[in-house]
Amino acid sequence: MFTASALTVILLMKILFSSARGEINTPSNLKRFNISMTALAVSSLCFNLLGLIEVDMINGHFSGIYGKVTYTLGIRALCEPMLYVLILWFVKTFFSMAGASQNPSPED
């Protein structure tokens, strides 16, 4: 999950730098969004599957006054990567509606 987050931050910085140069709706920026969203979706799947395995280990090896442990998604801690995939999808949609380049032409 940390690797996917670091990859996403690096790709978002590249998107911001290219946007500062006026290159907003380019194929490379849209590809960066897709890579970021895919990496975060895969890390979300791993995060939740490992959480289920952890709960099974706790319930199988420990007993006490707390009873059974149940697993809830990482949304409670606001660390569910799928939330950030949704945010990136909204930003990508906004970027795709923008023009291909925001640089003024020399004729203007």
PDB file of N, CA and C in Angstrom:
ATOM      1  N   MET A   1       0.821  -1.184   0.000  1.00  0.00           N
ATOM      2  CA  MET A   1       0.000   0.000   0.000  1.00  0.00           C
ATOM      3  C   MET A   1       0.867   1.251   0.000  1.00  0.00           C
ATOM      4  N   PHE A   2       1.984   1.182   0.731  1.00  0.00           N
ATOM      5  CA  PHE A   2       2.859   2.353   0.785  1.00  0.00           C
ATOM      6  C   PHE A   2       3.529   2.599  -0.570  1.00  0.00           C
ATOM      7  N   THR A   3       3.851   1.531  -1.271  1.00  0.00           N
ATOM      8  CA  THR A   3       4.458   1.677  -2.590  1.00  0.00           C
ATOM      9  C   THR A   3       3.476   2.304  -3.564  1.00  0.00           C
ATOM     10  N   ALA A   4       2.217   1.858  -3.531  1.00  0.00           N
ATOM     11  CA  ALA A   4       1.196   2.434  -4.416  1.00  0.00           C
ATOM     12  C   ALA A   4       0.967   3.905  -4.080  1.00  0.00           C
ATOM     13  N   SER A   5       0.995   4.239  -2.803  1.00  0.00           N
ATOM     14  CA  SER A   5       0.815   5.640  -2.402  1.00  0.00           C
ATOM     15  C   SER A   5       1.982   6.498  -2.874  1.00  0.00           C
ATOM     16  N   ALA A   6       3.194   5.987  -2.742  1.00  0.00           N
ATOM     17  CA  ALA A   6       4.367   6.742  -3.202  1.00  0.00           C
ATOM     18  C   ALA A   6       4.330   6.907  -4.716  1.00  0.00           C
ATOM     19  N   LEU A   7       3.964   5.854  -5.435  1.00  0.00           N
ATOM     20  CA  LEU A   7       3.847   5.933  -6.891  1.00  0.00           C
ATOM     21  C   LEU A   7       2.809   6.972  -7.291  1.00  0.00           C
ATOM     22  N   THR A   8       1.685   6.981  -6.597  1.00  0.00           N
ATOM     23  CA  THR A   8       0.627   7.940  -6.897  1.00  0.00           C
ATOM     24  C   THR A   8       1.086   9.374  -6.647  1.00  0.00           C
ATOM     25  N   VAL A   9       1.787   9.596  -5.563  1.00  0.00           N
ATOM     26  CA  VAL A   9       2.277  10.946  -5.268  1.00  0.00           C
ATOM     27  C   VAL A   9       3.255  11.404  -6.344  1.00  0.00           C
ATOM     28  N   ILE A  10       4.166  10.528  -6.757  1.00  0.00           N
ATOM     29  CA  ILE A  10       5.135  10.892  -7.800  1.00  0.00           C
ATOM     30  C   ILE A  10       4.421  11.213  -9.110  1.00  0.00           C
ATOM     31  N   LEU A  11       3.460  10.374  -9.485  1.00  0.00           N
ATOM     32  CA  LEU A  11       2.737  10.616 -10.737  1.00  0.00           C
ATOM     33  C   LEU A  11       1.884  11.878 -10.663  1.00  0.00           C
ATOM     34  N   LEU A  12       1.291  12.157  -9.510  1.00  0.00           N
ATOM     35  CA  LEU A  12       0.506  13.389  -9.375  1.00  0.00           C
ATOM     36  C   LEU A  12       1.395  14.626  -9.437  1.00  0.00           C
ATOM     37  N   MET A  13       2.618  14.518  -8.916  1.00  0.00           N
ATOM     38  CA  MET A  13       3.549  15.646  -9.034  1.00  0.00           C
ATOM     39  C   MET A  13       3.919  15.877 -10.500  1.00  0.00           C
ATOM     40  N   LYS A  14       4.115  14.800 -11.263  1.00  0.00           N
ATOM     41  CA  LYS A  14       4.396  14.949 -12.690  1.00  0.00           C
ATOM     42  C   LYS A  14       3.211  15.575 -13.420  1.00  0.00           C
ATOM     43  N   ILE A  15       1.996  15.197 -13.016  1.00  0.00           N
ATOM     44  CA  ILE A  15       0.798  15.791 -13.621  1.00  0.00           C
ATOM     45  C   ILE A  15       0.728  17.277 -13.301  1.00  0.00           C
ATOM     46  N   LEU A  16       1.036  17.638 -12.066  1.00  0.00           N
ATOM     47  CA  LEU A  16       1.012  19.055 -11.685  1.00  0.00           C
ATOM     48  C   LEU A  16       2.061  19.861 -12.446  1.00  0.00           C
ATOM     49  N   PHE A  17       3.271  19.301 -12.605  1.00  0.00           N
ATOM     50  CA  PHE A  17       4.314  20.015 -13.332  1.00  0.00           C
ATOM     51  C   PHE A  17       3.948  20.193 -14.800  1.00  0.00           C
ATOM     52  N   SER A  18       3.382  19.152 -15.406  1.00  0.00           N
ATOM     53  CA  SER A  18       3.000  19.301 -16.814  1.00  0.00           C
ATOM     54  C   SER A  18       1.806  20.244 -16.952  1.00  0.00           C
ATOM     55  N   SER A  19       0.934  20.281 -15.956  1.00  0.00           N
ATOM     56  CA  SER A  19      -0.187  21.230 -15.983  1.00  0.00           C
ATOM     57  C   SER A  19       0.307  22.661 -15.845  1.00  0.00           C
ATOM     58  N   ALA A  20       1.364  22.849 -15.083  1.00  0.00           N
ATOM     59  CA  ALA A  20       1.936  24.189 -14.947  1.00  0.00           C
ATOM     60  C   ALA A  20       2.532  24.673 -16.265  1.00  0.00           C
ATOM     61  N   ARG A  21       2.976  23.728 -17.103  1.00  0.00           N
ATOM     62  CA  ARG A  21       3.486  24.085 -18.428  1.00  0.00           C
ATOM     63  C   ARG A  21       2.356  24.269 -19.430  1.00  0.00           C
ATOM     64  N   GLY A  22       1.117  24.058 -19.008  1.00  0.00           N
ATOM     65  CA  GLY A  22      -0.034  24.236 -19.881  1.00  0.00           C
ATOM     66  C   GLY A  22      -0.477  22.971 -20.589  1.00  0.00           C
ATOM     67  N   GLU A  23       0.116  21.849 -20.282  1.00  0.00           N
ATOM     68  CA  GLU A  23      -0.243  20.579 -20.902  1.00  0.00           C
ATOM     69  C   GLU A  23      -1.198  19.841 -19.973  1.00  0.00           C
ATOM     70  N   ILE A  24      -2.490  20.095 -20.141  1.00  0.00           N
ATOM     71  CA  ILE A  24      -3.460  19.539 -19.195  1.00  0.00           C
ATOM     72  C   ILE A  24      -4.041  18.227 -19.689  1.00  0.00           C
ATOM     73  N   ASN A  25      -4.720  18.246 -20.792  1.00  0.00           N
ATOM     74  CA  ASN A  25      -5.406  17.048 -21.288  1.00  0.00           C
ATOM     75  C   ASN A  25      -4.527  16.358 -22.325  1.00  0.00           C
ATOM     76  N   THR A  26      -3.453  15.744 -21.855  1.00  0.00           N
ATOM     77  CA  THR A  26      -2.547  15.039 -22.757  1.00  0.00           C
ATOM     78  C   THR A  26      -2.644  13.540 -22.493  1.00  0.00           C
ATOM     79  N   PRO A  27      -2.305  12.724 -23.470  1.00  0.00           N
ATOM     80  CA  PRO A  27      -2.335  11.271 -23.247  1.00  0.00           C
ATOM     81  C   PRO A  27      -1.418  10.817 -22.114  1.00  0.00           C
ATOM     82  N   SER A  28      -0.287  11.485 -21.935  1.00  0.00           N
ATOM     83  CA  SER A  28       0.622  11.083 -20.854  1.00  0.00           C
ATOM     84  C   SER A  28       0.010  11.364 -19.482  1.00  0.00           C
ATOM     85  N   ASN A  29      -0.689  12.494 -19.337  1.00  0.00           N
ATOM     86  CA  ASN A  29      -1.353  12.783 -18.060  1.00  0.00           C
ATOM     87  C   ASN A  29      -2.475  11.793 -17.773  1.00  0.00           C
ATOM     88  N   LEU A  30      -3.268  11.479 -18.784  1.00  0.00           N
ATOM     89  CA  LEU A  30      -4.352  10.516 -18.581  1.00  0.00           C
ATOM     90  C   LEU A  30      -3.794   9.132 -18.278  1.00  0.00           C
ATOM     91  N   LYS A  31      -2.655   8.785 -18.881  1.00  0.00           N
ATOM     92  CA  LYS A  31      -2.013   7.504 -18.591  1.00  0.00           C
ATOM     93  C   LYS A  31      -1.515   7.492 -17.141  1.00  0.00           C
ATOM     94  N   ARG A  32      -0.979   8.606 -16.676  1.00  0.00           N
ATOM     95  CA  ARG A  32      -0.523   8.697 -15.277  1.00  0.00           C
ATOM     96  C   ARG A  32      -1.683   8.526 -14.309  1.00  0.00           C
ATOM     97  N   PHE A  33      -2.828   9.125 -14.630  1.00  0.00           N
ATOM     98  CA  PHE A  33      -4.013   8.931 -13.788  1.00  0.00           C
ATOM     99  C   PHE A  33      -4.416   7.460 -13.753  1.00  0.00           C
ATOM    100  N   ASN A  34      -4.422   6.815 -14.919  1.00  0.00           N
ATOM    101  CA  ASN A  34      -4.825   5.408 -14.975  1.00  0.00           C
ATOM    102  C   ASN A  34      -3.877   4.514 -14.186  1.00  0.00           C
ATOM    103  N   ILE A  35      -2.575   4.773 -14.282  1.00  0.00           N
ATOM    104  CA  ILE A  35      -1.600   3.981 -13.526  1.00  0.00           C
ATOM    105  C   ILE A  35      -1.803   4.177 -12.030  1.00  0.00           C
ATOM    106  N   SER A  36      -2.022   5.420 -11.609  1.00  0.00           N
ATOM    107  CA  SER A  36      -2.245   5.714 -10.190  1.00  0.00           C
ATOM    108  C   SER A  36      -3.491   5.015  -9.668  1.00  0.00           C
ATOM    109  N   MET A  37      -4.574   5.099 -10.431  1.00  0.00           N
ATOM    110  CA  MET A  37      -5.822   4.487  -9.981  1.00  0.00           C
ATOM    111  C   MET A  37      -5.707   2.966  -9.942  1.00  0.00           C
ATOM    112  N   THR A  38      -5.008   2.374 -10.901  1.00  0.00           N
ATOM    113  CA  THR A  38      -4.831   0.922 -10.898  1.00  0.00           C
ATOM    114  C   THR A  38      -3.984   0.477  -9.710  1.00  0.00           C
ATOM    115  N   ALA A  39      -2.891   1.190  -9.440  1.00  0.00           N
ATOM    116  CA  ALA A  39      -2.031   0.835  -8.309  1.00  0.00           C
ATOM    117  C   ALA A  39      -2.786   0.935  -6.989  1.00  0.00           C
ATOM    118  N   LEU A  40      -3.588   1.985  -6.826  1.00  0.00           N
ATOM    119  CA  LEU A  40      -4.350   2.129  -5.588  1.00  0.00           C
ATOM    120  C   LEU A  40      -5.457   1.086  -5.469  1.00  0.00           C
ATOM    121  N   ALA A  41      -6.085   0.711  -6.580  1.00  0.00           N
ATOM    122  CA  ALA A  41      -7.131  -0.316  -6.535  1.00  0.00           C
ATOM    123  C   ALA A  41      -6.543  -1.673  -6.158  1.00  0.00           C
ATOM    124  N   VAL A  42      -5.378  -1.992  -6.709  1.00  0.00           N
ATOM    125  CA  VAL A  42      -4.722  -3.253  -6.347  1.00  0.00           C
ATOM    126  C   VAL A  42      -4.300  -3.234  -4.877  1.00  0.00           C
ATOM    127  N   SER A  43      -3.783  -2.105  -4.407  1.00  0.00           N
ATOM    128  CA  SER A  43      -3.396  -2.031  -2.993  1.00  0.00           C
ATOM    129  C   SER A  43      -4.611  -2.106  -2.086  1.00  0.00           C
ATOM    130  N   SER A  44      -5.762  -1.608  -2.527  1.00  0.00           N
ATOM    131  CA  SER A  44      -6.988  -1.730  -1.744  1.00  0.00           C
ATOM    132  C   SER A  44      -7.400  -3.187  -1.619  1.00  0.00           C
ATOM    133  N   LEU A  45      -7.300  -3.922  -2.724  1.00  0.00           N
ATOM    134  CA  LEU A  45      -7.626  -5.341  -2.694  1.00  0.00           C
ATOM    135  C   LEU A  45      -6.704  -6.090  -1.732  1.00  0.00           C
ATOM    136  N   CYS A  46      -5.404  -5.825  -1.827  1.00  0.00           N
ATOM    137  CA  CYS A  46      -4.449  -6.476  -0.922  1.00  0.00           C
ATOM    138  C   CYS A  46      -4.684  -6.066   0.527  1.00  0.00           C
ATOM    139  N   PHE A  47      -4.939  -4.796   0.747  1.00  0.00           N
ATOM    140  CA  PHE A  47      -5.179  -4.261   2.087  1.00  0.00           C
ATOM    141  C   PHE A  47      -6.356  -4.972   2.761  1.00  0.00           C
ATOM    142  N   ASN A  48      -7.442  -5.139   2.015  1.00  0.00           N
ATOM    143  CA  ASN A  48      -8.627  -5.753   2.600  1.00  0.00           C
ATOM    144  C   ASN A  48      -8.494  -7.263   2.736  1.00  0.00           C
ATOM    145  N   LEU A  49      -7.835  -7.921   1.788  1.00  0.00           N
ATOM    146  CA  LEU A  49      -7.625  -9.364   1.921  1.00  0.00           C
ATOM    147  C   LEU A  49      -6.701  -9.678   3.090  1.00  0.00           C
ATOM    148  N   LEU A  50      -5.633  -8.903   3.246  1.00  0.00           N
ATOM    149  CA  LEU A  50      -4.744  -9.113   4.388  1.00  0.00           C
ATOM    150  C   LEU A  50      -5.442  -8.791   5.705  1.00  0.00           C
ATOM    151  N   GLY A  51      -6.360  -7.841   5.697  1.00  0.00           N
ATOM    152  CA  GLY A  51      -7.142  -7.553   6.899  1.00  0.00           C
ATOM    153  C   GLY A  51      -8.017  -8.720   7.298  1.00  0.00           C
ATOM    154  N   LEU A  52      -8.618  -9.374   6.314  1.00  0.00           N
ATOM    155  CA  LEU A  52      -9.427 -10.554   6.610  1.00  0.00           C
ATOM    156  C   LEU A  52      -8.568 -11.690   7.160  1.00  0.00           C
ATOM    157  N   ILE A  53      -7.389 -11.881   6.598  1.00  0.00           N
ATOM    158  CA  ILE A  53      -6.480 -12.920   7.099  1.00  0.00           C
ATOM    159  C   ILE A  53      -6.041 -12.605   8.520  1.00  0.00           C
ATOM    160  N   GLU A  54      -5.771 -11.332   8.800  1.00  0.00           N
ATOM    161  CA  GLU A  54      -5.361 -10.930  10.146  1.00  0.00           C
ATOM    162  C   GLU A  54      -6.465 -11.206  11.170  1.00  0.00           C
ATOM    163  N   VAL A  55      -7.694 -10.916  10.799  1.00  0.00           N
ATOM    164  CA  VAL A  55      -8.815 -11.164  11.712  1.00  0.00           C
ATOM    165  C   VAL A  55      -8.965 -12.658  11.972  1.00  0.00           C
ATOM    166  N   ASP A  56      -8.793 -13.479  10.926  1.00  0.00           N
ATOM    167  CA  ASP A  56      -8.855 -14.928  11.133  1.00  0.00           C
ATOM    168  C   ASP A  56      -7.752 -15.413  12.059  1.00  0.00           C
ATOM    169  N   MET A  57      -6.553 -14.831  11.940  1.00  0.00           N
ATOM    170  CA  MET A  57      -5.455 -15.221  12.830  1.00  0.00           C
ATOM    171  C   MET A  57      -5.761 -14.828  14.270  1.00  0.00           C
ATOM    172  N   ILE A  58      -6.308 -13.645  14.458  1.00  0.00           N
ATOM    173  CA  ILE A  58      -6.629 -13.190  15.818  1.00  0.00           C
ATOM    174  C   ILE A  58      -7.713 -14.068  16.426  1.00  0.00           C
ATOM    175  N   ASN A  59      -8.756 -14.351  15.658  1.00  0.00           N
ATOM    176  CA  ASN A  59      -9.850 -15.163  16.182  1.00  0.00           C
ATOM    177  C   ASN A  59      -9.421 -16.614  16.402  1.00  0.00           C
ATOM    178  N   GLY A  60      -8.465 -17.097  15.630  1.00  0.00           N
ATOM    179  CA  GLY A  60      -8.044 -18.483  15.761  1.00  0.00           C
ATOM    180  C   GLY A  60      -7.062 -18.733  16.889  1.00  0.00           C
ATOM    181  N   HIS A  61      -6.338 -17.714  17.322  1.00  0.00           N
ATOM    182  CA  HIS A  61      -5.264 -17.942  18.280  1.00  0.00           C
ATOM    183  C   HIS A  61      -5.441 -17.216  19.613  1.00  0.00           C
ATOM    184  N   PHE A  62      -6.389 -16.339  19.708  1.00  0.00           N
ATOM    185  CA  PHE A  62      -6.568 -15.601  20.950  1.00  0.00           C
ATOM    186  C   PHE A  62      -8.009 -15.736  21.418  1.00  0.00           C
ATOM    187  N   SER A  63      -8.172 -15.743  22.703  1.00  0.00           N
ATOM    188  CA  SER A  63      -9.524 -15.698  23.265  1.00  0.00           C
ATOM    189  C   SER A  63      -9.461 -14.811  24.497  1.00  0.00           C
ATOM    190  N   GLY A  64     -10.583 -14.275  24.853  1.00  0.00           N
ATOM    191  CA  GLY A  64     -10.584 -13.388  26.001  1.00  0.00           C
ATOM    192  C   GLY A  64     -11.945 -12.764  26.186  1.00  0.00           C
ATOM    193  N   ILE A  65     -11.954 -11.655  26.880  1.00  0.00           N
ATOM    194  CA  ILE A  65     -13.215 -11.015  27.221  1.00  0.00           C
ATOM    195  C   ILE A  65     -13.829 -10.275  26.039  1.00  0.00           C
ATOM    196  N   TYR A  66     -13.062 -10.091  24.978  1.00  0.00           N
ATOM    197  CA  TYR A  66     -13.564  -9.306  23.861  1.00  0.00           C
ATOM    198  C   TYR A  66     -14.378 -10.122  22.874  1.00  0.00           C
ATOM    199  N   GLY A  67     -14.355 -11.422  22.955  1.00  0.00           N
ATOM    200  CA  GLY A  67     -15.126 -12.242  22.030  1.00  0.00           C
ATOM    201  C   GLY A  67     -14.473 -12.279  20.669  1.00  0.00           C
ATOM    202  N   LYS A  68     -15.275 -12.343  19.634  1.00  0.00           N
ATOM    203  CA  LYS A  68     -14.768 -12.438  18.262  1.00  0.00           C
ATOM    204  C   LYS A  68     -14.448 -11.048  17.718  1.00  0.00           C
ATOM    205  N   VAL A  69     -13.408 -10.970  16.931  1.00  0.00           N
ATOM    206  CA  VAL A  69     -13.029  -9.738  16.255  1.00  0.00           C
ATOM    207  C   VAL A  69     -13.677  -9.762  14.874  1.00  0.00           C
ATOM    208  N   THR A  70     -14.250  -8.665  14.473  1.00  0.00           N
ATOM    209  CA  THR A  70     -14.828  -8.571  13.130  1.00  0.00           C
ATOM    210  C   THR A  70     -14.025  -7.559  12.332  1.00  0.00           C
ATOM    211  N   TYR A  71     -14.037  -7.721  11.014  1.00  0.00           N
ATOM    212  CA  TYR A  71     -13.252  -6.857  10.138  1.00  0.00           C
ATOM    213  C   TYR A  71     -14.163  -5.840   9.479  1.00  0.00           C
ATOM    214  N   THR A  72     -13.766  -4.598   9.537  1.00  0.00           N
ATOM    215  CA  THR A  72     -14.443  -3.544   8.785  1.00  0.00           C
ATOM    216  C   THR A  72     -13.432  -2.944   7.828  1.00  0.00           C
ATOM    217  N   LEU A  73     -13.899  -2.388   6.755  1.00  0.00           N
ATOM    218  CA  LEU A  73     -13.001  -1.795   5.769  1.00  0.00           C
ATOM    219  C   LEU A  73     -12.192  -0.673   6.391  1.00  0.00           C
ATOM    220  N   GLY A  74     -11.128  -0.279   5.694  1.00  0.00           N
ATOM    221  CA  GLY A  74     -10.264   0.775   6.193  1.00  0.00           C
ATOM    222  C   GLY A  74     -10.879   2.158   6.136  1.00  0.00           C
ATOM    223  N   ILE A  75     -12.164   2.251   5.793  1.00  0.00           N
ATOM    224  CA  ILE A  75     -12.817   3.558   5.678  1.00  0.00           C
ATOM    225  C   ILE A  75     -12.861   4.263   7.032  1.00  0.00           C
ATOM    226  N   ARG A  76     -12.980   3.504   8.101  1.00  0.00           N
ATOM    227  CA  ARG A  76     -13.060   4.145   9.423  1.00  0.00           C
ATOM    228  C   ARG A  76     -11.814   4.955   9.735  1.00  0.00           C
ATOM    229  N   ALA A  77     -10.675   4.505   9.262  1.00  0.00           N
ATOM    230  CA  ALA A  77      -9.433   5.233   9.507  1.00  0.00           C
ATOM    231  C   ALA A  77      -9.097   6.171   8.349  1.00  0.00           C
ATOM    232  N   LEU A  78      -9.988   6.287   7.375  1.00  0.00           N
ATOM    233  CA  LEU A  78      -9.781   7.092   6.176  1.00  0.00           C
ATOM    234  C   LEU A  78      -8.500   6.701   5.436  1.00  0.00           C
ATOM    235  N   CYS A  79      -8.217   5.411   5.453  1.00  0.00           N
ATOM    236  CA  CYS A  79      -7.027   4.951   4.743  1.00  0.00           C
ATOM    237  C   CYS A  79      -7.390   3.926   3.678  1.00  0.00           C
ATOM    238  N   GLU A  80      -8.643   3.852   3.301  1.00  0.00           N
ATOM    239  CA  GLU A  80      -9.058   2.936   2.244  1.00  0.00           C
ATOM    240  C   GLU A  80      -8.619   3.523   0.897  1.00  0.00           C
ATOM    241  N   PRO A  81      -7.721   2.864   0.185  1.00  0.00           N
ATOM    242  CA  PRO A  81      -7.224   3.410  -1.083  1.00  0.00           C
ATOM    243  C   PRO A  81      -8.315   3.607  -2.134  1.00  0.00           C
ATOM    244  N   MET A  82      -9.399   2.854  -2.053  1.00  0.00           N
ATOM    245  CA  MET A  82     -10.456   2.991  -3.047  1.00  0.00           C
ATOM    246  C   MET A  82     -11.123   4.374  -2.967  1.00  0.00           C
ATOM    247  N   LEU A  83     -11.098   5.008  -1.795  1.00  0.00           N
ATOM    248  CA  LEU A  83     -11.613   6.375  -1.678  1.00  0.00           C
ATOM    249  C   LEU A  83     -10.793   7.327  -2.543  1.00  0.00           C
ATOM    250  N   TYR A  84      -9.478   7.128  -2.550  1.00  0.00           N
ATOM    251  CA  TYR A  84      -8.609   7.997  -3.328  1.00  0.00           C
ATOM    252  C   TYR A  84      -8.697   7.690  -4.820  1.00  0.00           C
ATOM    253  N   VAL A  85      -9.028   6.444  -5.157  1.00  0.00           N
ATOM    254  CA  VAL A  85      -9.282   6.116  -6.561  1.00  0.00           C
ATOM    255  C   VAL A  85     -10.492   6.906  -7.053  1.00  0.00           C
ATOM    256  N   LEU A  86     -11.513   6.989  -6.232  1.00  0.00           N
ATOM    257  CA  LEU A  86     -12.709   7.747  -6.595  1.00  0.00           C
ATOM    258  C   LEU A  86     -12.385   9.234  -6.769  1.00  0.00           C
ATOM    259  N   ILE A  87     -11.593   9.780  -5.872  1.00  0.00           N
ATOM    260  CA  ILE A  87     -11.199  11.191  -5.985  1.00  0.00           C
ATOM    261  C   ILE A  87     -10.376  11.417  -7.254  1.00  0.00           C
ATOM    262  N   LEU A  88      -9.429  10.498  -7.529  1.00  0.00           N
ATOM    263  CA  LEU A  88      -8.623  10.626  -8.742  1.00  0.00           C
ATOM    264  C   LEU A  88      -9.476  10.510  -9.998  1.00  0.00           C
ATOM    265  N   TRP A  89     -10.508   9.679  -9.953  1.00  0.00           N
ATOM    266  CA  TRP A  89     -11.395   9.551 -11.105  1.00  0.00           C
ATOM    267  C   TRP A  89     -12.117  10.868 -11.379  1.00  0.00           C
ATOM    268  N   PHE A  90     -12.571  11.546 -10.316  1.00  0.00           N
ATOM    269  CA  PHE A  90     -13.220  12.848 -10.494  1.00  0.00           C
ATOM    270  C   PHE A  90     -12.244  13.869 -11.081  1.00  0.00           C
ATOM    271  N   VAL A  91     -11.016  13.886 -10.577  1.00  0.00           N
ATOM    272  CA  VAL A  91     -10.019  14.831 -11.081  1.00  0.00           C
ATOM    273  C   VAL A  91      -9.669  14.504 -12.529  1.00  0.00           C
ATOM    274  N   LYS A  92      -9.543  13.220 -12.859  1.00  0.00           N
ATOM    275  CA  LYS A  92      -9.253  12.812 -14.235  1.00  0.00           C
ATOM    276  C   LYS A  92     -10.377  13.239 -15.170  1.00  0.00           C
ATOM    277  N   THR A  93     -11.616  13.106 -14.717  1.00  0.00           N
ATOM    278  CA  THR A  93     -12.757  13.539 -15.525  1.00  0.00           C
ATOM    279  C   THR A  93     -12.694  15.039 -15.772  1.00  0.00           C
ATOM    280  N   PHE A  94     -12.328  15.807 -14.749  1.00  0.00           N
ATOM    281  CA  PHE A  94     -12.173  17.247 -14.909  1.00  0.00           C
ATOM    282  C   PHE A  94     -11.065  17.568 -15.906  1.00  0.00           C
ATOM    283  N   PHE A  95      -9.932  16.873 -15.782  1.00  0.00           N
ATOM    284  CA  PHE A  95      -8.812  17.099 -16.696  1.00  0.00           C
ATOM    285  C   PHE A  95      -9.196  16.746 -18.117  1.00  0.00           C
ATOM    286  N   SER A  96      -9.950  15.670 -18.300  1.00  0.00           N
ATOM    287  CA  SER A  96     -10.289  15.247 -19.662  1.00  0.00           C
ATOM    288  C   SER A  96     -11.264  16.212 -20.333  1.00  0.00           C
ATOM    289  N   MET A  97     -11.990  17.012 -19.554  1.00  0.00           N
ATOM    290  CA  MET A  97     -12.888  18.006 -20.135  1.00  0.00           C
ATOM    291  C   MET A  97     -12.155  19.275 -20.540  1.00  0.00           C
ATOM    292  N   ALA A  98     -10.964  19.469 -19.997  1.00  0.00           N
ATOM    293  CA  ALA A  98     -10.195  20.670 -20.332  1.00  0.00           C
ATOM    294  C   ALA A  98      -9.622  20.534 -21.736  1.00  0.00           C
ATOM    295  N   GLY A  99      -9.196  21.631 -22.284  1.00  0.00           N
ATOM    296  CA  GLY A  99      -8.589  21.612 -23.608  1.00  0.00           C
ATOM    297  C   GLY A  99      -7.249  20.898 -23.589  1.00  0.00           C
ATOM    298  N   ALA A 100      -6.747  20.550 -24.754  1.00  0.00           N
ATOM    299  CA  ALA A 100      -5.481  19.825 -24.847  1.00  0.00           C
ATOM    300  C   ALA A 100      -4.315  20.681 -24.373  1.00  0.00           C
ATOM    301  N   SER A 101      -4.369  21.971 -24.585  1.00  0.00           N
ATOM    302  CA  SER A 101      -3.289  22.850 -24.172  1.00  0.00           C
ATOM    303  C   SER A 101      -3.887  24.182 -23.761  1.00  0.00           C
ATOM    304  N   GLN A 102      -3.347  24.772 -22.721  1.00  0.00           N
ATOM    305  CA  GLN A 102      -3.852  26.046 -22.238  1.00  0.00           C
ATOM    306  C   GLN A 102      -2.923  27.194 -22.608  1.00  0.00           C
ATOM    307  N   ASN A 103      -1.904  26.930 -23.428  1.00  0.00           N
ATOM    308  CA  ASN A 103      -0.984  28.000 -23.850  1.00  0.00           C
ATOM    309  C   ASN A 103      -1.662  28.867 -24.898  1.00  0.00           C
ATOM    310  N   PRO A 104      -1.583  30.174 -24.773  1.00  0.00           N
ATOM    311  CA  PRO A 104      -2.168  31.035 -25.804  1.00  0.00           C
ATOM    312  C   PRO A 104      -1.388  30.944 -27.098  1.00  0.00           C
ATOM    313  N   SER A 105      -2.077  31.028 -28.190  1.00  0.00           N
ATOM    314  CA  SER A 105      -1.396  30.968 -29.489  1.00  0.00           C
ATOM    315  C   SER A 105      -0.776  32.332 -29.810  1.00  0.00           C
ATOM    316  N   PRO A 106       0.256  32.354 -30.652  1.00  0.00           N
ATOM    317  CA  PRO A 106       0.934  33.618 -30.957  1.00  0.00           C
ATOM    318  C   PRO A 106       0.037  34.621 -31.680  1.00  0.00           C
ATOM    319  N   GLU A 107      -1.027  34.161 -32.343  1.00  0.00           N
ATOM    320  CA  GLU A 107      -1.910  35.067 -33.065  1.00  0.00           C
ATOM    321  C   GLU A 107      -2.779  35.897 -32.136  1.00  0.00           C
ATOM    322  N   ASP A 108      -2.971  35.438 -30.887  1.00  0.00           N
ATOM    323  CA  ASP A 108      -3.885  36.148 -29.968  1.00  0.00           C
ATOM    324  C   ASP A 108      -3.281  37.404 -29.422  1.00  0.00           C
TER     325      ASP A 108
END
